[in-house]
Amino acid sequence: MRRCVVACVGLIGAVMLLMDSAPAARSQEARTLTVYSSRAHYGAEPVFEAFTKKTGVDIKFFNGNNNEVFERLRNEGARTSADVLLTVDAGNL
């Protein structure tokens, strides 16, 4: 569980840097970060809540198993709303 929290903190930090450097990210439309995840992130909720509290950016999740997440990405193609993809391992990429 500690690994998951550390990974989530690192991910959120990277996203915050990107959002701070991108002018379009400051618009009202960019106030939601969409995360597609095939990982269980139980115990990491406080990290996501702290991110939202600090930045004002809401986090919207689509959770599923690997097949469900990648099927959705294939169907959406370039029109995907995913900003971040969390998967169980790099071999699935």
Protein backbone atom coordinates (compact mmCIF):
# COMPACT_ATOMS: atom_id res chain seq x y z
CA MET A 1 0.00 0.00 0.00
CA ARG A 2 2.87 2.38 0.75
CA ARG A 3 4.15 1.88 -2.81
CA CYS A 4 0.79 2.88 -4.22
CA VAL A 5 0.66 6.05 -2.12
CA VAL A 6 4.22 6.98 -3.09
CA ALA A 7 3.45 6.34 -6.77
CA CYS A 8 0.26 8.41 -6.55
CA VAL A 9 2.06 11.31 -4.88
CA GLY A 10 4.73 11.24 -7.61
CA LEU A 11 2.12 11.06 -10.35
CA ILE A 12 0.11 13.90 -8.90
CA GLY A 13 3.26 16.01 -8.49
CA ALA A 14 4.15 15.49 -12.14
CA VAL A 15 0.65 16.40 -13.24
CA MET A 16 0.73 19.53 -11.09
CA LEU A 17 3.96 20.64 -12.77
CA LEU A 18 2.46 20.10 -16.20
CA MET A 19 -0.69 21.95 -15.29
CA ASP A 20 1.24 24.90 -13.90
CA SER A 21 3.27 25.19 -17.08
CA ALA A 22 0.36 24.89 -19.53
CA PRO A 23 -1.73 28.06 -19.99
CA ALA A 24 -4.72 26.09 -21.30
CA ALA A 25 -4.77 24.06 -18.10
CA ARG A 26 -5.76 27.17 -16.19
CA SER A 27 -9.09 27.46 -18.01
CA GLN A 28 -12.31 26.36 -16.35
CA GLU A 29 -12.61 23.39 -18.73
CA ALA A 30 -9.29 21.99 -17.49
CA ARG A 31 -10.31 21.88 -13.84
CA THR A 32 -10.85 18.11 -14.01
CA LEU A 33 -8.15 15.47 -14.29
CA THR A 34 -9.44 12.21 -15.79
CA VAL A 35 -7.63 9.07 -14.65
CA TYR A 36 -8.16 5.69 -16.30
CA SER A 37 -6.98 3.02 -13.91
CA SER A 38 -6.74 -0.75 -13.79
CA ARG A 39 -5.05 -0.53 -10.39
CA ALA A 40 -6.70 -0.77 -7.03
CA HIS A 41 -5.85 2.48 -5.27
CA TYR A 42 -7.37 1.71 -1.91
CA GLY A 43 -5.67 3.77 0.76
CA ALA A 44 -4.60 6.43 -1.75
CA GLU A 45 -7.84 8.40 -1.53
CA PRO A 46 -6.39 10.94 0.94
CA VAL A 47 -3.67 11.75 -1.60
CA PHE A 48 -6.24 12.45 -4.31
CA GLU A 49 -8.35 14.50 -1.91
CA ALA A 50 -5.30 16.55 -0.88
CA PHE A 51 -4.47 17.17 -4.56
CA THR A 52 -7.99 18.47 -5.21
CA LYS A 53 -7.91 20.64 -2.10
CA LYS A 54 -4.53 22.16 -2.99
CA THR A 55 -5.14 22.71 -6.70
CA GLY A 56 -8.90 22.98 -7.05
CA VAL A 57 -8.66 20.32 -9.77
CA ASP A 58 -11.21 17.54 -9.42
CA ILE A 59 -10.16 13.99 -10.22
CA LYS A 60 -12.55 11.81 -12.19
CA PHE A 61 -11.82 8.07 -12.34
CA PHE A 62 -12.68 5.33 -14.77
CA ASN A 63 -11.75 2.06 -13.06
CA GLY A 64 -11.77 -1.41 -14.53
CA ASN A 65 -9.61 -4.41 -15.17
CA ASN A 66 -6.86 -4.17 -17.80
CA ASN A 67 -9.10 -5.44 -20.58
CA GLU A 68 -11.87 -2.94 -19.79
CA VAL A 69 -9.52 0.04 -19.58
CA PHE A 70 -7.63 -0.77 -22.79
CA GLU A 71 -10.85 -1.60 -24.65
CA ARG A 72 -12.20 1.82 -23.71
CA LEU A 73 -8.98 3.51 -24.83
CA ARG A 74 -9.08 1.65 -28.17
CA ASN A 75 -12.71 2.64 -28.72
CA GLU A 76 -12.11 6.30 -27.85
CA GLY A 77 -8.88 6.60 -29.80
CA ALA A 78 -7.71 10.19 -30.16
CA ARG A 79 -10.99 11.40 -28.61
CA THR A 80 -10.23 9.89 -25.21
CA SER A 81 -10.89 11.99 -22.17
CA ALA A 82 -8.09 10.24 -20.25
CA ASP A 83 -5.34 12.52 -18.99
CA VAL A 84 -3.54 9.81 -17.00
CA LEU A 85 -3.36 6.02 -17.38
CA LEU A 86 -2.54 3.86 -14.38
CA THR A 87 -1.99 0.19 -15.16
CA VAL A 88 -0.93 -2.80 -13.12
CA ASP A 89 2.41 -3.15 -14.91
CA ALA A 90 4.40 -1.73 -17.82
CA GLY A 91 4.03 -4.98 -19.75
CA ASN A 92 0.43 -4.03 -20.48
CA LEU A 93 1.45 -0.89 -22.33
